[in-house]
Amino acid sequence: MSAKKTDTLLNRLIAISVIFTFSWTLILLAFSHNEKASNQQQIENRNQALTTSAIVFLGLAGMINAYYAGKRAEALEKSAIADERNIELSIQNTKLNQDRLIAERFMAAIEQLGHDKVSTRTGAIYALERVAQDFPKEHWTIMEILSAFVRENAPIQVEQRQQIEEDSEPRFGRHTRVTRREHPDDLNWLEESPKVSTDIQVALTVIGRRDSQKDPVNQKIDLRNTYIRRADLRGVDFAGADLSGSDLCGADLRNADLCGADLDKAQLCGSILYEANLQSCSLGAANLSGANLNKVKLCGANLRAANLSGASLRAADLSDANLYKANLQQATLKVANLSGAKLFLANLQSCKFGKANLQGTGLIGANLQQANLNGANLSNANLNAAKLQQTEILFANLSGASLTEADLYRANLMGANLQRAILHEANLCEANLMGANLYGANLCDVKLEGAILTGAKNLDPQQIRRALGDRTTRLPDNVEVPMHWRQTV
């Protein structure tokens, strides 16, 4: 209650008190001059006077109480305002102290990041992590500082880049470089490579275990072109991070979250990515030779022209992945999911696809020579012009698959399901089709010289008449050799 209101109340109280006092005086005068009234009448008048007097005093007491109540309320209001101002000042002082504390801890940690001793730099990194945890507003700034620290202190040098290029070159054929490795799958040379320094390892660990929920929208960890070979990155959160051009050879990335990360031209040969999340990740022209990618999630990932030679991808999820012109020579893809993947012109020589899911996969022009596709699901897959010479395709499901102009010379298709498969102008010379199901298969102009079709199921004479065979072709007992085949020398 304000002072103005309190003064108004006081004035009213005084006025009412005067009126009541004047009225009481008049009443007493009136009763005192009424001598002719009876005793009973005088008693009643006296009682009425007393009642009126009591009312006057009660009203006066109420007014006085209201006045002092107003005064108390006014005092309480002033006290509350003063307390509020004190709280505001306290908050301001706390914020100023907090800002000063942040600045002091920041400056001390940043100064120590440039110290000569590794232990001091390591302590500074942990100090910055604590600041990020205590002061969420500084979280991203500290992550950027630590990322910059890694980039500045672990860049890929010119000589390292040259060595990486040498390691990335194909090691087969006439122009193979002479290196210390005696076998393309031998990664013992990684053991000779130095590990990342302690301070760089700690910085990567701190970045990897940050609370990514505090990351700003449209911001990402920047670790481009860094030399972090053989780093321990188990379980790190690098989702959406930029690691393009970085050397991660021999790094341990088990259970790491790299969803949507940029790893274009990154070096990951011999790295461990077991059960890592690489969904929608970009690995264009990346080197993953000899890497452990078992049970990894690569659905929707871009692996265009990536090198996966000798890599292990058992039970990996590569559904809808882009593997155009990728090198998967001698890779293991047993029980892997490649449904809807694009493997156009990919090198899949000697690749192991046992029981893999290749349903609807695009394999146009892919090189599958000497690959193992036993028990694989290739239904509705596109294998047009694919190279499948001497490939093992036992009991595989090729129903509805397109194999137009595919080269299946000496391929082993025993027990395979080729229902309604399109084999137009395919080369099946000396191929083994024993027990294969050829119901509704298109064998128009298919080369069957030297092929074995004994025991083939659902093969009708009309299919055979459209094919190209000779006396060396072995047909089921219930199928006669076409006349034009007999005339073939």
Protein backbone atom coordinates (compact mmCIF):
# COMPACT_ATOMS: atom_id res chain seq x y z
CA MET A 1 0.00 0.00 0.00
CA SER A 2 1.40 3.41 -1.02
CA ALA A 3 1.91 6.40 1.33
CA LYS A 4 -0.77 8.40 -0.52
CA LYS A 5 -3.40 5.75 0.12
CA THR A 6 -2.38 5.52 3.78
CA ASP A 7 -2.77 9.33 4.25
CA THR A 8 -6.22 9.28 2.65
CA LEU A 9 -7.27 6.50 5.00
CA LEU A 10 -5.96 8.51 7.98
CA ASN A 11 -7.95 11.62 6.95
CA ARG A 12 -11.13 9.59 6.63
CA LEU A 13 -10.52 8.04 10.02
CA ILE A 14 -10.15 11.46 11.66
CA ALA A 15 -13.32 12.78 10.00
CA ILE A 16 -15.39 9.77 11.04
CA SER A 17 -14.04 9.96 14.59
CA VAL A 18 -15.07 13.64 14.83
CA ILE A 19 -18.57 12.87 13.52
CA PHE A 20 -19.04 10.01 15.97
CA THR A 21 -17.76 12.10 18.88
CA PHE A 22 -20.10 15.01 17.98
CA SER A 23 -23.05 12.65 17.68
CA TRP A 24 -22.26 11.07 21.04
CA THR A 25 -22.16 14.52 22.67
CA LEU A 26 -25.56 15.44 21.22
CA ILE A 27 -27.05 12.17 22.46
CA LEU A 28 -25.78 12.73 26.00
CA LEU A 29 -27.15 16.30 25.99
CA ALA A 30 -30.52 15.11 24.81
CA PHE A 31 -30.77 12.49 27.52
CA SER A 32 -29.55 14.83 30.22
CA HIS A 33 -32.41 17.36 29.55
CA ASN A 34 -35.21 14.80 29.46
CA GLU A 35 -36.16 14.88 33.18
CA LYS A 36 -39.87 14.13 32.61
CA ALA A 37 -39.25 10.69 31.16
CA SER A 38 -40.17 7.69 33.26
CA ASN A 39 -37.58 5.49 34.89
CA GLN A 40 -38.18 2.77 32.31
CA GLN A 41 -37.78 5.27 29.50
CA GLN A 42 -34.58 6.62 31.02
CA ILE A 43 -33.17 3.11 31.34
CA GLU A 44 -33.91 2.42 27.67
CA ASN A 45 -32.39 5.72 26.64
CA ARG A 46 -29.32 4.97 28.73
CA ASN A 47 -28.95 1.51 27.09
CA GLN A 48 -29.35 2.99 23.67
CA ALA A 49 -26.72 5.58 24.49
CA LEU A 50 -24.36 2.87 25.70
CA THR A 51 -24.98 0.81 22.53
CA THR A 52 -24.34 3.80 20.33
CA SER A 53 -21.23 4.61 22.32
CA ALA A 54 -19.97 1.03 21.90
CA ILE A 55 -20.57 1.22 18.14
CA VAL A 56 -18.70 4.51 18.00
CA PHE A 57 -15.70 3.08 19.84
CA LEU A 58 -15.74 -0.15 17.80
CA GLY A 59 -15.82 1.80 14.56
CA LEU A 60 -13.07 4.05 15.80
CA ALA A 61 -11.00 0.97 16.80
CA GLY A 62 -11.59 -0.58 13.38
CA MET A 63 -10.42 2.54 11.65
CA ILE A 64 -7.34 2.78 13.79
CA ASN A 65 -6.58 -0.89 13.11
CA ALA A 66 -7.03 -0.32 9.37
CA TYR A 67 -4.69 2.61 9.53
CA TYR A 68 -1.93 0.63 11.25
CA ALA A 69 -2.59 -2.36 8.93
CA GLY A 70 -2.02 -0.02 5.98
CA LYS A 71 1.18 1.20 7.56
CA ARG A 72 2.36 -2.39 8.05
CA ALA A 73 1.48 -3.29 4.45
CA GLU A 74 3.37 -0.22 3.24
CA ALA A 75 6.41 -1.25 5.27
CA LEU A 76 6.20 -4.82 3.93
CA GLU A 77 5.93 -3.53 0.35
CA LYS A 78 8.99 -1.35 0.80
CA SER A 79 10.84 -4.32 2.32
CA ALA A 80 9.84 -6.59 -0.62
CA ILE A 81 11.03 -4.00 -3.14
CA ALA A 82 14.30 -3.71 -1.30
CA ASP A 83 14.69 -7.50 -1.18
CA GLU A 84 13.93 -7.75 -4.93
CA ARG A 85 16.56 -5.14 -5.68
CA ASN A 86 19.02 -6.99 -3.50
CA ILE A 87 18.27 -10.26 -5.34
CA GLU A 88 18.77 -8.54 -8.71
CA LEU A 89 22.06 -7.12 -7.53
CA SER A 90 23.06 -10.53 -6.21
CA ILE A 91 22.21 -12.17 -9.57
CA GLN A 92 24.17 -9.53 -11.44
CA ASN A 93 27.12 -9.98 -9.13
CA THR A 94 26.89 -13.78 -9.50
CA LYS A 95 26.82 -13.47 -13.30
CA LEU A 96 29.77 -11.09 -13.22
CA ASN A 97 31.66 -13.50 -10.98
CA GLN A 98 30.69 -16.41 -13.21
CA ASP A 99 31.82 -14.58 -16.35
CA ARG A 100 35.05 -13.64 -14.62
CA LEU A 101 35.54 -17.25 -13.51
CA ILE A 102 34.87 -18.56 -17.02
CA ALA A 103 37.27 -16.03 -18.49
CA GLU A 104 39.96 -16.93 -15.95
CA ARG A 105 39.55 -20.68 -16.48
CA PHE A 106 39.40 -20.20 -20.25
CA MET A 107 42.55 -18.13 -20.37
CA ALA A 108 44.43 -20.48 -18.07
CA ALA A 109 43.42 -23.58 -20.05
CA ILE A 110 44.15 -22.03 -23.44
CA GLU A 111 47.56 -20.84 -22.28
CA GLN A 112 48.33 -24.35 -21.07
CA LEU A 113 47.28 -25.84 -24.43
CA GLY A 114 50.41 -24.32 -25.89
CA HIS A 115 52.70 -25.65 -23.14
CA ASP A 116 55.73 -27.76 -24.01
CA LYS A 117 54.81 -30.61 -21.67
CA VAL A 118 52.25 -33.16 -22.85
CA SER A 119 50.94 -33.62 -19.31
CA THR A 120 50.18 -29.90 -19.01
CA ARG A 121 48.36 -29.85 -22.33
CA THR A 122 46.39 -32.93 -21.31
CA GLY A 123 45.35 -31.25 -18.06
CA ALA A 124 44.26 -28.17 -20.01
CA ILE A 125 42.01 -30.33 -22.22
CA TYR A 126 40.32 -31.88 -19.19
CA ALA A 127 39.92 -28.39 -17.69
CA LEU A 128 38.15 -27.20 -20.83
CA GLU A 129 35.89 -30.24 -20.71
CA ARG A 130 34.89 -29.33 -17.15
CA VAL A 131 34.14 -25.74 -18.22
CA ALA A 132 31.94 -27.08 -21.03
CA GLN A 133 30.05 -29.23 -18.53
CA ASP A 134 29.66 -26.47 -15.94
CA PHE A 135 28.77 -23.71 -18.40
CA PRO A 136 26.58 -25.06 -21.24
CA LYS A 137 26.77 -21.73 -23.13
CA GLU A 138 30.48 -22.33 -23.70
CA HIS A 139 30.00 -25.98 -24.78
CA TRP A 140 30.31 -25.48 -28.52
CA THR A 141 33.08 -22.90 -28.28
CA ILE A 142 35.20 -25.40 -26.35
CA MET A 143 34.46 -28.19 -28.86
CA GLU A 144 35.63 -25.90 -31.66
CA ILE A 145 38.80 -25.04 -29.69
CA LEU A 146 39.59 -28.73 -29.15
CA SER A 147 38.88 -29.55 -32.81
CA ALA A 148 41.20 -26.76 -33.88
CA PHE A 149 43.82 -28.07 -31.43
CA VAL A 150 43.69 -31.49 -33.12
CA ARG A 151 43.83 -29.98 -36.62
CA GLU A 152 46.79 -27.74 -35.75
CA ASN A 153 48.78 -30.35 -33.86
CA ALA A 154 48.01 -33.46 -35.93
CA PRO A 155 47.83 -32.36 -39.58
CA ILE A 156 48.69 -34.67 -42.44
CA GLN A 157 52.16 -33.68 -43.62
CA VAL A 158 53.27 -33.75 -47.25
CA GLU A 159 55.38 -36.88 -46.78
CA GLN A 160 52.51 -38.59 -44.95
CA ARG A 161 50.16 -37.73 -47.80
CA GLN A 162 52.60 -39.22 -50.29
CA GLN A 163 52.81 -42.40 -48.21
CA ILE A 164 49.02 -42.56 -48.05
CA GLU A 165 48.83 -42.29 -51.82
CA GLU A 166 51.33 -45.16 -52.12
CA ASP A 167 49.31 -47.26 -49.69
CA SER A 168 46.13 -46.51 -51.64
CA GLU A 169 47.52 -47.61 -54.99
CA PRO A 170 46.49 -51.03 -56.33
CA ARG A 171 49.12 -53.64 -55.59
CA PHE A 172 48.24 -56.07 -58.37
CA GLY A 173 49.50 -56.24 -61.91
CA ARG A 174 52.52 -55.18 -63.91
CA HIS A 175 52.83 -51.70 -62.42
CA THR A 176 52.69 -52.71 -58.77
CA ARG A 177 54.95 -50.67 -56.46
CA VAL A 178 57.51 -52.56 -54.47
CA THR A 179 56.67 -52.07 -50.80
CA ARG A 180 57.55 -53.70 -47.51
CA ARG A 181 54.24 -55.58 -47.64
CA GLU A 182 54.51 -59.00 -49.18
CA HIS A 183 50.77 -59.62 -49.42
CA PRO A 184 47.88 -57.24 -50.09
CA ASP A 185 46.08 -58.43 -46.95
CA ASP A 186 49.15 -58.03 -44.75
CA LEU A 187 48.57 -55.04 -42.48
CA ASN A 188 51.50 -55.62 -40.16
CA TRP A 189 52.97 -52.35 -41.42
CA LEU A 190 50.33 -50.58 -39.32
CA GLU A 191 52.06 -51.80 -36.17
CA GLU A 192 55.11 -49.80 -37.20
CA SER A 193 53.06 -46.61 -37.54
CA PRO A 194 53.19 -44.27 -34.54
CA LYS A 195 50.06 -43.84 -32.47
CA VAL A 196 48.56 -40.42 -31.87
CA SER A 197 50.13 -38.47 -28.99
CA THR A 198 48.46 -38.53 -25.57
CA ASP A 199 47.12 -34.98 -25.76
CA ILE A 200 45.59 -35.54 -29.22
CA GLN A 201 44.03 -38.81 -28.01
CA VAL A 202 42.55 -37.05 -24.96
CA ALA A 203 41.18 -34.22 -27.13
CA LEU A 204 39.50 -36.75 -29.44
CA THR A 205 38.07 -38.63 -26.45
CA VAL A 206 36.63 -35.43 -24.95
CA ILE A 207 35.09 -34.41 -28.27
CA GLY A 208 33.72 -37.92 -28.79
CA ARG A 209 31.99 -38.12 -25.41
CA ARG A 210 30.50 -34.62 -25.42
CA ASP A 211 26.75 -34.09 -24.97
CA SER A 212 25.82 -33.76 -28.64
CA GLN A 213 22.37 -32.49 -27.67
CA LYS A 214 24.07 -29.18 -26.84
CA ASP A 215 25.56 -28.86 -30.33
CA PRO A 216 24.11 -25.93 -32.31
CA VAL A 217 21.91 -26.74 -35.28
CA ASN A 218 23.79 -26.96 -38.60
CA GLN A 219 27.18 -27.08 -36.83
CA LYS A 220 29.55 -30.05 -37.00
CA ILE A 221 32.86 -31.21 -35.58
CA ASP A 222 35.67 -30.26 -37.97
CA LEU A 223 38.56 -32.76 -38.04
CA ARG A 224 39.49 -32.55 -41.71
CA ASN A 225 42.88 -33.71 -42.95
CA THR A 226 44.07 -34.87 -39.53
CA TYR A 227 46.63 -37.59 -38.90
CA ILE A 228 44.96 -39.67 -36.17
CA ARG A 229 46.21 -43.10 -37.16
CA ARG A 230 45.61 -45.90 -34.60
CA ALA A 231 43.53 -43.63 -32.36
CA ASP A 232 41.21 -45.16 -29.77
CA LEU A 233 37.77 -43.92 -30.80
CA ARG A 234 35.55 -46.62 -29.35
CA GLY A 235 31.97 -45.46 -28.88
CA VAL A 236 32.69 -41.85 -29.89
CA ASP A 237 29.89 -39.59 -31.08
CA PHE A 238 31.12 -38.20 -34.39
CA ALA A 239 27.70 -38.06 -36.02
CA GLY A 240 27.77 -35.51 -38.83
CA ALA A 241 31.47 -34.77 -38.25
CA ASP A 242 33.78 -33.71 -41.08
CA LEU A 243 36.67 -36.19 -41.24
CA SER A 244 37.30 -35.89 -44.95
CA GLY A 245 40.87 -36.57 -45.98
CA SER A 246 41.85 -37.75 -42.49
CA ASP A 247 44.12 -40.70 -41.79
CA LEU A 248 42.34 -43.14 -39.48
CA CYS A 249 44.27 -46.25 -40.48
CA GLY A 250 44.27 -48.81 -37.69
CA ALA A 251 41.89 -46.70 -35.59
CA ASP A 252 39.51 -48.48 -33.21
CA LEU A 253 36.01 -47.20 -34.01
CA ARG A 254 33.95 -49.99 -32.50
CA ASN A 255 30.36 -48.90 -31.76
CA ALA A 256 31.20 -45.37 -32.93
CA ASP A 257 28.40 -43.13 -34.16
CA LEU A 258 29.41 -41.73 -37.55
CA CYS A 259 25.90 -41.29 -38.91
CA GLY A 260 25.95 -38.68 -41.67
CA ALA A 261 29.68 -38.05 -41.22
CA ASP A 262 31.87 -36.87 -44.11
CA LEU A 263 34.70 -39.36 -44.66
CA ASP A 264 35.39 -38.67 -48.31
CA LYS A 265 38.95 -39.69 -49.24
CA ALA A 266 39.59 -40.73 -45.64
CA GLN A 267 42.13 -43.47 -44.91
CA LEU A 268 40.58 -46.27 -42.84
CA CYS A 269 42.64 -49.28 -43.92
CA GLY A 270 42.95 -51.83 -41.15
CA SER A 271 40.56 -49.86 -38.92
CA ILE A 272 38.02 -51.57 -36.64
CA LEU A 273 34.46 -50.40 -37.26
CA TYR A 274 32.63 -53.33 -35.67
CA GLU A 275 28.95 -52.44 -35.09
CA ALA A 276 29.66 -48.79 -35.92
CA ASN A 277 26.85 -46.57 -37.22
CA LEU A 278 27.73 -45.23 -40.67
CA GLN A 279 24.21 -44.64 -41.95
CA SER A 280 24.02 -42.02 -44.70
CA CYS A 281 27.77 -41.54 -44.28
CA SER A 282 29.84 -40.25 -47.21
CA LEU A 283 32.88 -42.43 -47.93
CA GLY A 284 33.54 -41.47 -51.53
CA ALA A 285 37.00 -42.65 -52.65
CA ALA A 286 37.78 -43.65 -49.05
CA ASN A 287 40.34 -46.39 -48.35
CA LEU A 288 38.85 -49.16 -46.18
CA SER A 289 41.08 -52.00 -47.32
CA GLY A 290 41.43 -54.71 -44.69
CA ALA A 291 39.02 -52.91 -42.37
CA ASN A 292 36.74 -54.75 -39.93
CA LEU A 293 33.20 -53.67 -40.84
CA ASN A 294 31.33 -56.61 -39.36
CA LYS A 295 27.74 -55.75 -38.38
CA VAL A 296 28.31 -52.15 -39.41
CA LYS A 297 25.36 -49.98 -40.48
CA LEU A 298 26.03 -48.53 -43.93
CA CYS A 299 22.48 -48.27 -45.23
CA GLY A 300 22.16 -45.34 -47.60
CA ALA A 301 25.90 -44.62 -47.37
CA ASN A 302 27.93 -43.24 -50.26
CA LEU A 303 30.86 -45.56 -51.03
CA ARG A 304 31.38 -44.46 -54.61
CA ALA A 305 34.84 -45.55 -55.81
CA ALA A 306 35.78 -46.59 -52.25
CA ASN A 307 38.47 -49.21 -51.68
CA LEU A 308 37.15 -52.10 -49.59
CA SER A 309 39.55 -54.76 -50.80
CA GLY A 310 40.04 -57.49 -48.23
CA ALA A 311 37.57 -55.84 -45.87
CA SER A 312 35.31 -57.93 -43.66
CA LEU A 313 31.63 -56.96 -43.89
CA ARG A 314 29.93 -59.96 -42.29
CA ALA A 315 26.28 -59.26 -41.47
CA ALA A 316 26.80 -55.61 -42.47
CA ASP A 317 23.80 -53.53 -43.54
CA LEU A 318 24.54 -51.99 -46.96
CA SER A 319 20.95 -51.65 -48.11
CA ASP A 320 20.50 -48.82 -50.65
CA ALA A 321 24.21 -47.98 -50.39
CA ASN A 322 26.03 -46.47 -53.39
CA LEU A 323 29.03 -48.65 -54.29
CA TYR A 324 29.48 -47.50 -57.87
CA LYS A 325 32.95 -48.52 -59.08
CA ALA A 326 33.89 -49.57 -55.53
CA ASN A 327 36.69 -52.08 -55.04
CA LEU A 328 35.56 -55.04 -52.92
CA GLN A 329 38.12 -57.52 -54.18
CA GLN A 330 38.50 -60.45 -51.76
CA ALA A 331 36.08 -58.79 -49.35
CA THR A 332 33.84 -60.91 -47.09
CA LEU A 333 30.13 -60.09 -47.27
CA LYS A 334 28.62 -63.26 -45.81
CA VAL A 335 25.07 -62.77 -44.50
CA ALA A 336 25.35 -59.08 -45.43
CA ASN A 337 22.30 -57.07 -46.51
CA LEU A 338 22.88 -55.44 -49.92
CA SER A 339 19.26 -55.16 -50.99
CA GLY A 340 18.77 -52.20 -53.30
CA ALA A 341 22.47 -51.35 -53.26
CA LYS A 342 24.14 -49.93 -56.38
CA LEU A 343 27.21 -51.94 -57.34
CA PHE A 344 27.49 -50.86 -60.96
CA LEU A 345 30.96 -51.56 -62.40
CA ALA A 346 32.15 -52.59 -58.92
CA ASN A 347 35.14 -54.90 -58.53
CA LEU A 348 33.87 -57.94 -56.63
CA GLN A 349 36.53 -60.44 -57.65
CA SER A 350 36.90 -63.38 -55.25
CA CYS A 351 34.34 -61.72 -52.97
CA LYS A 352 32.51 -63.98 -50.49
CA PHE A 353 28.72 -63.43 -50.53
CA GLY A 354 27.59 -66.61 -48.77
CA LYS A 355 23.88 -66.26 -47.86
CA ALA A 356 24.02 -62.51 -48.50
CA ASN A 357 20.86 -60.59 -49.40
CA LEU A 358 21.29 -59.02 -52.85
CA GLN A 359 17.62 -58.70 -53.65
CA GLY A 360 17.02 -55.97 -56.22
CA THR A 361 20.70 -55.04 -56.19
CA GLY A 362 22.17 -53.24 -59.21
CA LEU A 363 25.24 -55.15 -60.45
CA ILE A 364 25.42 -53.93 -64.05
CA GLY A 365 28.91 -54.52 -65.41
CA ALA A 366 30.18 -55.65 -62.01
CA ASN A 367 33.19 -57.94 -61.87
CA LEU A 368 32.23 -61.05 -59.90
CA GLN A 369 34.90 -63.38 -61.25
CA GLN A 370 35.66 -66.26 -58.88
CA ALA A 371 33.29 -64.79 -56.31
CA ASN A 372 31.34 -67.00 -53.93
CA LEU A 373 27.58 -66.43 -54.07
CA ASN A 374 26.51 -69.76 -52.57
CA GLY A 375 23.04 -69.50 -51.03
CA ALA A 376 22.83 -65.78 -51.81
CA ASN A 377 19.51 -64.09 -52.55
CA LEU A 378 19.79 -62.38 -55.96
CA SER A 379 16.12 -62.30 -56.81
CA ASN A 380 15.24 -59.42 -59.17
CA ALA A 381 18.87 -58.32 -59.16
CA ASN A 382 20.27 -56.59 -62.25
CA LEU A 383 23.37 -58.47 -63.44
CA ASN A 384 23.38 -57.30 -67.03
CA ALA A 385 26.85 -57.53 -68.59
CA ALA A 386 28.25 -58.70 -65.25
CA LYS A 387 31.40 -60.82 -65.19
CA LEU A 388 30.72 -64.07 -63.36
CA GLN A 389 33.40 -66.35 -64.78
CA GLN A 390 34.17 -69.32 -62.52
CA THR A 391 31.85 -67.91 -59.87
CA GLU A 392 30.32 -70.18 -57.22
CA ILE A 393 26.54 -69.64 -57.22
CA LEU A 394 25.37 -72.92 -55.68
CA PHE A 395 21.72 -72.97 -54.53
CA ALA A 396 21.49 -69.21 -54.97
CA ASN A 397 18.15 -67.51 -55.63
CA LEU A 398 18.24 -65.77 -59.03
CA SER A 399 14.50 -65.76 -59.65
CA GLY A 400 13.48 -62.80 -61.78
CA ALA A 401 17.09 -61.66 -62.06
CA SER A 402 18.31 -60.01 -65.26
CA LEU A 403 21.52 -61.55 -66.63
CA THR A 404 21.45 -60.17 -70.18
CA GLU A 405 24.89 -60.50 -71.80
CA ALA A 406 26.34 -61.67 -68.47
CA ASP A 407 29.48 -63.79 -68.67
CA LEU A 408 28.96 -67.00 -66.62
CA TYR A 409 31.73 -69.03 -68.22
CA ARG A 410 32.45 -72.09 -66.05
CA ALA A 411 30.21 -70.68 -63.31
CA ASN A 412 28.81 -73.19 -60.84
CA LEU A 413 25.03 -72.74 -60.70
CA MET A 414 24.19 -76.18 -59.30
CA GLY A 415 20.79 -76.16 -57.60
CA ALA A 416 20.32 -72.45 -58.31
CA ASN A 417 16.82 -71.00 -58.69
CA LEU A 418 16.59 -69.30 -62.10
CA GLN A 419 12.81 -69.06 -62.36
CA ARG A 420 11.83 -66.40 -64.89
CA ALA A 421 15.41 -65.16 -65.00
CA ILE A 422 16.43 -63.25 -68.13
CA LEU A 423 19.59 -64.79 -69.59
CA HIS A 424 19.35 -63.27 -73.07
CA GLU A 425 22.72 -63.58 -74.88
CA ALA A 426 24.43 -64.66 -71.65
CA ASN A 427 27.55 -66.83 -71.80
CA LEU A 428 27.02 -70.13 -69.93
CA CYS A 429 29.70 -72.11 -71.71
CA GLU A 430 30.98 -74.96 -69.52
CA ALA A 431 28.76 -73.73 -66.69
CA ASN A 432 27.32 -76.23 -64.20
CA LEU A 433 23.51 -76.04 -64.06
CA MET A 434 22.86 -79.45 -62.50
CA GLY A 435 19.57 -79.45 -60.60
CA ALA A 436 18.94 -75.78 -61.40
CA ASN A 437 15.34 -74.59 -61.64
CA LEU A 438 14.87 -73.01 -65.09
CA TYR A 439 11.09 -72.57 -65.04
CA GLY A 440 10.14 -69.72 -67.38
CA ALA A 441 13.76 -68.62 -67.78
CA ASN A 442 14.62 -66.69 -70.94
CA LEU A 443 17.40 -68.66 -72.68
CA CYS A 444 17.22 -66.83 -76.01
CA ASP A 445 20.66 -66.86 -77.71
CA VAL A 446 22.28 -68.13 -74.51
CA LYS A 447 25.60 -69.88 -75.15
CA LEU A 448 25.48 -73.36 -73.66
CA GLU A 449 28.50 -75.03 -75.29
CA GLY A 450 29.95 -77.50 -72.82
CA ALA A 451 27.32 -76.60 -70.18
CA ILE A 452 25.96 -79.28 -67.82
CA LEU A 453 22.15 -79.20 -67.50
CA THR A 454 21.59 -82.78 -66.30
CA GLY A 455 18.94 -82.87 -63.63
CA ALA A 456 17.81 -79.34 -64.47
CA LYS A 457 14.20 -78.72 -63.42
CA ASN A 458 11.31 -77.31 -65.46
CA LEU A 459 13.32 -77.06 -68.67
CA ASP A 460 11.14 -77.40 -71.77
CA PRO A 461 12.27 -78.08 -75.36
CA GLN A 462 11.22 -74.64 -76.56
CA GLN A 463 13.68 -72.95 -74.17
CA ILE A 464 16.48 -75.20 -75.44
CA ARG A 465 15.68 -74.54 -79.12
CA ARG A 466 16.19 -70.81 -78.53
CA ALA A 467 19.56 -71.40 -76.89
CA LEU A 468 22.91 -71.95 -78.62
CA GLY A 469 24.54 -75.27 -77.81
CA ASP A 470 26.34 -78.15 -79.42
CA ARG A 471 27.09 -81.84 -78.93
CA THR A 472 29.17 -81.01 -75.84
CA THR A 473 26.11 -79.62 -74.06
CA ARG A 474 24.71 -82.13 -71.56
CA LEU A 475 20.93 -81.94 -71.36
CA PRO A 476 18.42 -83.70 -69.07
CA ASP A 477 17.35 -87.16 -70.20
CA ASN A 478 13.83 -86.01 -71.07
CA VAL A 479 15.03 -83.22 -73.37
CA GLU A 480 16.14 -83.96 -76.91
CA VAL A 481 19.09 -82.24 -78.51
CA PRO A 482 17.82 -79.72 -81.11
CA MET A 483 18.55 -80.58 -84.74
CA HIS A 484 20.59 -77.41 -85.40
CA TRP A 485 22.82 -78.31 -82.41
CA ARG A 486 23.69 -81.66 -84.01
CA GLN A 487 24.90 -79.93 -87.11
CA THR A 488 27.26 -77.77 -85.07
CA VAL A 489 30.84 -79.01 -85.21
